[in-house]
Protein backbone atom coordinates (compact mmCIF):
# COMPACT_ATOMS: atom_id res chain seq x y z
CA MET A 1 -0.01 -0.03 0.02
CA GLY A 2 1.42 3.38 -1.08
CA THR A 3 2.26 6.06 1.48
CA MET A 4 0.25 9.28 1.33
CA LYS A 5 2.12 12.19 -0.26
CA ILE A 6 3.61 14.76 2.07
CA GLN A 7 2.41 17.67 -0.12
CA HIS A 8 -1.17 16.45 0.23
CA ILE A 9 -0.91 16.10 3.96
CA LYS A 10 0.74 19.54 4.25
CA GLY A 11 -2.06 21.11 2.21
CA ILE A 12 -4.85 19.90 4.55
CA VAL A 13 -6.83 22.86 5.89
CA LEU A 14 -7.72 22.55 9.55
CA GLY A 15 -10.87 24.01 11.07
CA HIS A 16 -14.28 24.52 9.48
CA ARG A 17 -15.02 23.37 5.96
CA GLN A 18 -14.12 26.14 3.55
CA LEU A 19 -17.07 27.34 1.52
CA THR A 20 -16.63 28.52 -2.10
CA PHE A 21 -19.53 30.10 -3.96
CA GLY A 22 -20.87 27.82 -6.69
CA PHE A 23 -19.21 24.65 -5.37
CA ASP A 24 -20.74 24.35 -1.88
CA ASN A 25 -23.43 21.79 -2.77
CA ASN A 26 -20.99 19.63 -4.76
CA ALA A 27 -18.37 19.71 -1.98
CA LEU A 28 -21.00 18.82 0.62
CA GLU A 29 -22.17 15.89 -1.48
CA GLU A 30 -18.60 14.69 -1.88
CA GLN A 31 -17.98 14.97 1.86
CA ASN A 32 -21.20 13.10 2.61
CA PHE A 33 -20.10 10.38 0.16
CA VAL A 34 -16.79 10.01 2.03
CA ILE A 35 -18.64 9.76 5.36
CA SER A 36 -21.01 7.11 3.93
CA CYS A 37 -17.96 5.09 2.82
CA ILE A 38 -16.52 5.32 6.32
CA LEU A 39 -19.74 4.07 7.88
CA LYS A 40 -20.02 1.22 5.41
CA GLN A 41 -16.37 0.19 5.96
CA PHE A 42 -16.81 0.37 9.71
CA LYS A 43 -19.97 -1.72 9.55
CA ASN A 44 -18.40 -4.37 7.33
CA TYR A 45 -14.94 -4.58 8.87
CA GLY A 46 -15.14 -2.87 12.27
CA GLN A 47 -12.07 -0.84 11.48
CA VAL A 48 -11.16 1.98 9.10
CA VAL A 49 -7.43 2.75 8.54
CA LEU A 50 -6.78 6.17 7.06
CA ASP A 51 -4.24 5.44 4.26
CA LYS A 52 -6.05 2.29 3.08
CA PHE A 53 -9.39 4.04 3.20
CA VAL A 54 -8.12 6.99 1.11
CA VAL A 55 -7.12 4.56 -1.66
CA HIS A 56 -10.47 2.80 -1.34
CA VAL A 57 -12.47 6.00 -1.91
CA MET A 58 -10.21 6.99 -4.83
CA GLU A 59 -11.05 3.65 -6.47
CA LEU A 60 -14.78 4.28 -6.03
CA SER A 61 -14.79 7.92 -7.21
CA ASP A 62 -12.99 10.61 -9.13
CA LEU A 63 -11.75 12.25 -5.90
CA THR A 64 -8.03 12.89 -5.51
CA GLU A 65 -5.99 11.82 -2.51
CA PHE A 66 -5.94 15.41 -1.24
CA ASP A 67 -9.76 15.77 -1.67
CA VAL A 68 -10.42 12.60 0.36
CA LEU A 69 -8.00 13.67 3.08
CA GLN A 70 -9.52 17.14 3.28
CA TYR A 71 -13.09 15.81 3.57
CA ILE A 72 -11.98 13.42 6.27
CA PHE A 73 -10.29 16.14 8.30
CA TRP A 74 -13.27 18.50 7.92
CA SER A 75 -15.56 15.69 9.10
CA ALA A 76 -13.30 15.18 12.12
CA HIS A 77 -13.50 18.88 12.95
CA GLU A 78 -17.29 18.68 12.71
CA LEU A 79 -17.20 15.77 15.22
CA LYS A 80 -18.78 13.38 12.67
CA ILE A 81 -15.77 11.10 13.13
CA HIS A 82 -12.58 11.14 15.19
CA PHE A 83 -9.04 9.83 14.87
CA ARG A 84 -7.20 7.33 17.05
CA VAL A 85 -3.47 6.73 17.02
CA ASP A 86 -1.89 4.00 19.20
CA GLY A 87 -5.17 3.58 21.02
CA LYS A 88 -5.45 7.26 21.91
CA ASN A 89 -8.00 9.76 20.52
CA MET A 90 -6.25 12.57 18.64
CA LEU A 91 -7.24 16.03 17.46
CA PRO A 92 -7.11 16.73 13.68
CA PHE A 93 -4.08 19.08 14.03
CA GLU A 94 -2.28 16.39 16.08
CA VAL A 95 -2.92 13.80 13.42
CA LYS A 96 -1.72 16.11 10.68
CA GLN A 97 1.51 16.74 12.54
CA ILE A 98 1.99 13.01 13.11
CA LEU A 99 1.48 12.27 9.41
CA LEU A 100 3.89 15.03 8.38
CA ASN A 101 6.58 13.38 10.51
CA SER A 102 5.57 9.78 9.70
CA PRO A 103 3.24 9.42 6.65
CA GLU A 104 3.18 5.70 7.08
CA LYS A 105 1.82 5.93 10.66
CA CYS A 106 -1.36 3.89 11.23
CA VAL A 107 -4.25 6.25 11.88
CA GLU A 108 -7.67 4.80 12.67
CA ILE A 109 -10.93 6.58 11.74
CA ILE A 110 -13.61 6.02 14.35
CA THR A 111 -17.25 6.70 13.83
CA ASN A 112 -19.21 8.57 16.46
CA LYS A 113 -22.13 6.60 17.84
CA PRO A 114 -25.27 8.57 18.68
CA VAL A 115 -26.36 9.47 22.18
CA GLU A 116 -29.71 8.12 23.42
CA ASN A 117 -32.40 10.67 22.47
CA SER A 118 -33.63 11.11 26.07
CA THR A 119 -30.11 11.97 27.22
CA PHE A 120 -29.56 14.21 24.20
CA GLN A 121 -32.77 16.18 24.87
CA ASP A 122 -31.89 16.48 28.53
CA VAL A 123 -28.52 18.06 27.69
CA ILE A 124 -30.14 20.41 25.21
CA SER A 125 -32.72 21.45 27.83
CA PHE A 126 -30.00 21.95 30.43
CA TYR A 127 -27.87 24.01 28.06
CA GLN A 128 -30.79 26.07 26.90
CA LYS A 129 -31.43 27.18 30.48
CA LEU A 130 -27.72 27.83 30.92
CA SER A 131 -27.36 29.94 27.77
CA LYS A 132 -30.66 31.65 27.24
CA GLU A 133 -29.28 33.72 24.38
CA GLN A 134 -28.52 30.64 22.33
CA ASP A 135 -31.08 28.41 20.59
CA HIS A 136 -29.68 25.04 21.52
CA HIS A 137 -33.25 23.65 21.70
CA THR A 138 -33.57 23.93 17.89
CA PHE A 139 -30.79 21.35 17.32
CA ASN A 140 -32.00 17.98 16.18
CA ASP A 141 -28.62 16.84 14.92
CA GLN A 142 -26.18 15.63 17.56
CA TYR A 143 -23.11 16.56 15.52
CA ASP A 144 -24.32 20.15 15.06
CA PHE A 145 -25.17 20.44 18.72
CA ALA A 146 -21.82 18.99 19.78
CA CYS A 147 -20.03 21.50 17.53
CA SER A 148 -21.95 24.38 19.08
CA LEU A 149 -21.32 23.01 22.57
CA LEU A 150 -17.64 22.59 21.78
CA SER A 151 -17.48 26.15 20.51
CA ASP A 152 -18.96 27.50 23.72
CA LEU A 153 -16.61 25.47 25.90
CA LYS A 154 -13.63 26.76 23.88
CA LYS A 155 -14.92 30.32 24.30
CA TRP A 156 -15.10 29.88 28.02
CA GLU A 157 -11.62 28.44 28.01
CA SER A 158 -10.34 31.41 25.98
CA ASN A 159 -12.00 33.96 28.29
CA LEU A 160 -10.68 32.35 31.46
CA ASP A 161 -7.23 32.07 29.95
CA SER A 162 -7.29 35.80 29.11
CA PHE A 163 -8.19 36.62 32.73
CA LYS A 164 -5.59 34.28 34.20
CA GLY A 165 -2.58 36.64 33.99
CA THR A 166 -4.25 39.50 35.87
CA ALA A 167 -5.85 37.16 38.41
CA GLN A 168 -2.36 35.95 39.49
CA LYS A 169 -1.53 39.45 40.82
CA PRO A 170 -2.01 40.15 44.54
CA PHE A 171 -5.56 41.15 45.59
CA TYR A 172 -7.13 40.26 42.26
CA PRO A 173 -10.04 37.76 42.65
CA GLY A 174 -10.74 34.50 40.87
CA LYS A 175 -7.30 32.88 40.73
CA GLU A 176 -8.37 29.52 42.23
CA LYS A 177 -11.64 29.48 40.28
CA ILE A 178 -9.92 30.27 37.00
CA ASN A 179 -7.22 27.64 37.46
CA GLY A 180 -9.75 24.97 38.57
CA HIS A 181 -12.17 25.71 35.70
CA LEU A 182 -9.38 25.65 33.13
CA GLN A 183 -8.45 22.17 34.31
CA SER A 184 -12.07 21.05 34.11
CA LEU A 185 -12.44 22.53 30.60
CA LYS A 186 -9.27 20.78 29.53
CA MET A 187 -10.85 17.52 30.58
CA LEU A 188 -14.12 18.29 28.83
CA LEU A 189 -12.39 19.38 25.62
CA ALA A 190 -10.35 16.22 25.52
CA ARG A 191 -13.50 14.45 24.34
CA GLN A 192 -12.95 14.29 20.59
CA ASP A 193 -16.27 12.85 19.48
CA SER A 194 -19.83 14.04 19.83
CA TYR A 195 -20.94 10.96 21.82
CA SER A 196 -18.26 11.38 24.49
CA LEU A 197 -18.65 15.15 24.62
CA ILE A 198 -22.45 15.07 25.08
CA TYR A 199 -22.35 12.25 27.61
CA THR A 200 -19.57 13.89 29.58
CA CYS A 201 -21.55 17.16 29.69
CA TYR A 202 -24.61 15.17 30.79
CA ASN A 203 -22.66 13.65 33.68
CA GLU A 204 -20.91 16.90 34.54
CA LYS A 205 -23.95 19.24 34.46
CA GLU A 206 -23.37 20.57 37.98
CA LYS A 207 -19.73 21.38 37.21
CA ILE A 208 -20.58 22.98 33.86
CA ALA A 209 -23.32 25.10 35.51
CA GLU A 210 -20.74 26.30 38.06
CA ILE A 211 -18.21 27.14 35.30
CA ALA A 212 -20.87 29.01 33.32
CA GLY A 213 -21.88 31.07 36.34
CA ASP A 214 -18.30 31.93 37.21
CA VAL A 215 -17.39 32.78 33.60
CA LYS A 216 -20.33 35.19 33.51
CA LEU A 217 -19.18 36.91 36.74
CA LEU A 218 -15.52 37.01 35.73
CA SER A 219 -16.41 38.31 32.26
CA THR A 220 -18.15 41.22 33.92
CA PHE A 221 -15.25 41.87 36.24
CA TYR A 222 -12.45 41.26 33.71
CA PRO A 223 -11.81 43.63 32.09
CA ARG A 224 -14.75 46.00 32.81
CA GLN A 225 -14.12 46.51 36.57
CA VAL A 226 -10.33 46.06 36.58
CA LYS A 227 -9.75 49.82 36.36
CA PHE A 228 -11.83 50.35 39.52
CA TRP A 229 -10.20 47.42 41.26
CA LYS A 230 -6.74 48.80 40.52
CA LEU A 231 -7.86 52.14 41.98
CA LEU A 232 -9.19 50.38 45.07
CA ILE A 233 -5.85 48.61 45.67
CA LYS A 234 -3.88 51.80 45.24
CA SER A 235 -6.28 53.82 47.43
CA ILE A 236 -6.10 51.37 50.33
CA GLU A 237 -2.32 51.50 50.12
CA ASP A 238 -2.55 55.33 50.31
CA PHE A 239 -5.00 55.18 53.22
CA ARG A 240 -2.65 52.97 55.24
CA VAL A 241 -0.09 55.81 55.26
CA ASN A 242 -2.57 57.83 57.33
CA ILE A 243 -3.97 54.92 59.36
CA THR A 244 -3.07 56.60 62.69
CA GLU A 245 -5.30 59.58 61.85
CA ILE A 246 -7.98 57.40 60.33
CA LYS A 247 -8.21 55.40 63.59
CA LYS A 248 -9.20 58.60 65.36
CA ASN A 249 -12.54 58.51 63.53
CA SER A 250 -14.42 55.29 64.32
CA GLU A 251 -16.94 55.73 61.50
CA ILE A 252 -14.27 56.14 58.81
CA LEU A 253 -12.16 53.34 60.36
CA SER A 254 -15.20 51.00 60.08
CA LYS A 255 -15.58 51.94 56.42
CA PHE A 256 -11.88 51.41 55.81
CA ASN A 257 -11.98 47.96 57.43
CA ARG A 258 -14.97 47.03 55.29
CA LEU A 259 -13.04 48.08 52.14
CA THR A 260 -10.13 45.82 53.13
CA GLN A 261 -12.63 42.96 53.66
CA ILE A 262 -14.02 43.49 50.14
CA LEU A 263 -10.50 43.69 48.70
CA THR A 264 -9.58 40.29 50.17
CA SER A 265 -12.90 38.63 49.45
CA PRO A 266 -12.63 35.56 47.17
CA SER A 267 -15.83 36.65 45.40
CA PRO A 268 -16.20 40.47 45.57
CA TYR A 269 -18.16 40.82 42.32
CA ILE A 270 -21.53 41.80 43.85
CA LEU A 271 -19.84 44.07 46.36
CA LEU A 272 -18.38 46.56 43.85
CA THR A 273 -21.15 49.15 44.20
CA GLU A 274 -20.74 49.06 47.96
CA ALA A 275 -16.98 49.34 47.58
CA ASP A 276 -17.37 52.40 45.29
CA GLU A 277 -19.52 54.26 47.85
CA LEU A 278 -17.17 53.34 50.72
CA LEU A 279 -14.12 54.40 48.72
CA LYS A 280 -15.59 57.86 48.06
CA LYS A 281 -16.28 58.45 51.75
CA VAL A 282 -12.93 57.20 53.02
CA LYS A 283 -11.09 59.10 50.29
CA LYS A 284 -12.88 62.31 51.21
CA HIS A 285 -11.77 61.97 54.83
CA ASN A 286 -8.26 60.92 53.83
CA ASP A 287 -8.00 63.95 51.52
CA LEU A 288 -8.81 66.19 54.48
CA ILE A 289 -6.09 64.46 56.55
CA ILE A 290 -3.60 65.01 53.73
CA GLN A 291 -4.73 68.61 53.27
CA LYS A 292 -4.31 69.31 56.99
CA ALA A 293 -0.89 67.63 57.14
CA THR A 294 0.24 69.46 53.97
CA GLU A 295 -0.80 72.84 55.38
CA ALA A 296 1.04 72.16 58.65
CA HIS A 297 4.13 71.07 56.70
CA ARG A 298 3.84 74.15 54.48
CA MET A 299 3.66 76.53 57.45
CA LYS A 300 6.68 74.86 59.01
CA ALA A 301 8.67 75.21 55.79
CA MET A 302 7.66 78.80 55.31
CA SER A 303 8.76 79.54 58.87
CA LYS A 304 12.18 78.07 58.07
CA VAL A 305 12.49 80.35 55.03
CA GLU A 306 11.47 83.34 57.19
CA VAL A 307 14.33 82.44 59.59
CA MET A 308 16.71 82.34 56.62
CA ILE A 309 15.58 85.82 55.55
CA LYS A 310 16.19 87.23 59.05
CA LYS A 311 19.66 85.61 59.25
CA LEU A 312 20.48 87.00 55.85
CA VAL A 313 19.45 90.53 56.85
CA ASN A 314 21.76 90.33 59.89
CA LEU A 315 24.60 89.10 57.70
CA PHE A 316 24.02 91.99 55.31
CA ASN A 317 24.58 94.42 58.14
CA HIS A 318 27.58 92.47 59.36
CA TYR A 319 29.30 92.37 55.94
CA ASN A 320 28.04 95.81 54.91
CA THR A 321 26.55 94.33 51.72
CA ASP A 322 25.61 96.72 48.89
CA GLN A 323 21.94 97.31 48.13
CA ALA A 324 21.90 95.49 44.74
CA MET A 325 23.10 92.22 46.31
CA ARG A 326 20.69 92.63 49.22
CA ASN A 327 17.76 93.04 46.82
CA THR A 328 18.81 90.02 44.71
CA PHE A 329 19.23 87.65 47.63
CA LEU A 330 16.11 88.78 49.50
CA TYR A 331 13.98 88.60 46.34
CA ALA A 332 15.14 85.00 45.72
CA LEU A 333 14.27 83.88 49.28
CA ARG A 334 10.91 85.71 49.31
CA ASN A 335 10.05 84.18 45.94
CA ALA A 336 10.87 80.76 47.31
CA LYS A 337 8.57 81.43 50.22
CA LYS A 338 5.84 82.47 47.86
CA ARG A 339 6.28 79.31 45.78
CA LEU A 340 5.94 77.21 48.94
CA SER A 341 2.45 78.62 49.40
CA TYR A 342 1.47 77.12 45.99
CA SER A 343 3.04 73.69 46.49
CA LYS A 344 0.35 70.97 46.30
CA ASN A 345 1.88 68.21 48.37
CA ILE A 346 4.46 67.47 51.06
CA LYS A 347 6.94 66.03 48.60
CA GLY A 348 6.86 69.23 46.53
CA ILE A 349 7.24 71.32 49.67
CA ASP A 350 10.28 69.27 50.76
CA LEU A 351 11.95 69.57 47.37
CA LEU A 352 11.44 73.32 47.23
CA LEU A 353 12.69 73.77 50.84
CA CYS A 354 15.76 71.66 50.06
CA ASP A 355 16.57 73.86 47.04
CA THR A 356 15.98 76.98 49.13
CA GLU A 357 18.36 75.80 51.85
CA ASP A 358 21.05 75.10 49.22
CA MET A 359 20.50 78.55 47.78
CA PHE A 360 20.75 80.12 51.24
CA ASP A 361 24.08 78.36 51.86
CA ASP A 362 25.38 79.68 48.51
CA PHE A 363 24.36 83.23 49.46
CA ILE A 364 26.30 83.00 52.72
CA GLU A 365 29.43 81.82 50.85
CA GLU A 366 29.12 84.74 48.43
CA LEU A 367 28.80 87.20 51.32
CA LYS A 368 31.95 85.83 52.95
CA GLU A 369 33.87 86.23 49.72
CA GLU A 370 32.89 89.90 49.33
């Protein structure tokens, strides 16, 4: 038996069947013909081996090796069949990679047996309640339903995976849930045929309902509420700087403690509105604390500059400094004092005072040199 050509294997398109205007019906008929051949072979011999089957179909039709391979892989993607290599179920992309490395490798084609109708209808009903926006109840075909189900599970996996990085950071919620659900989805998505997928979902309804609920909550939080959560983390850090003053007000302290409880809650999603209101009130009080501390710091700094001015005046008299130099030095110090009155925070006040002190030292050196 001849080995399949590498160029044909390499050309296989993975994913959904590609539609081309004018040829859709013909391609669908050809794909259905290939599926019917698989079912007949499986019924007669109980086993279908890929390379032998490709040759068999080519003998029965005008299809090329590539055409047969492509229809088989599209059918596998649509969960109408699945592949097995060395006793293990394999995804289409895994089989393609195996064949590219070893075209002679034995790949079995396995037909997907149908799920009992009562079980199938139960899963549809369950999933319809779970996803009200989707019309799963209209599915009569198990393959189509399994594809839709698989698509939703993959979407959940993709969403959770996108949240995972942020959730690993300190104080961000959902880390354990995300990691646990990703493991569960990995197990569910390992089912490569419609029969196994539907039955697994039937047996894991409680777990799937939990995942669906958490994905909905997390999809609202990530990324819509992340900006607020980041602000909450930063604000609580800022409030801790003034915790001594905050403790003097029992009402504000109670609100601050509640904020920290929400921040460390494993499931804070329904508490965000409360957190927003608390944050506004604690921030307002903290702003007053900062404002009061800043004003006290400003007055202290301005007093230091005033002392510098007085010392400088005394030195002018001692060194008999000319009027021009007096005016220059005094203007510089008085201007620094004026700028201190405009500084918005303690850090700015400290920087300006430090520069003023350096300038004062330079003035003294100049006076001594005169």
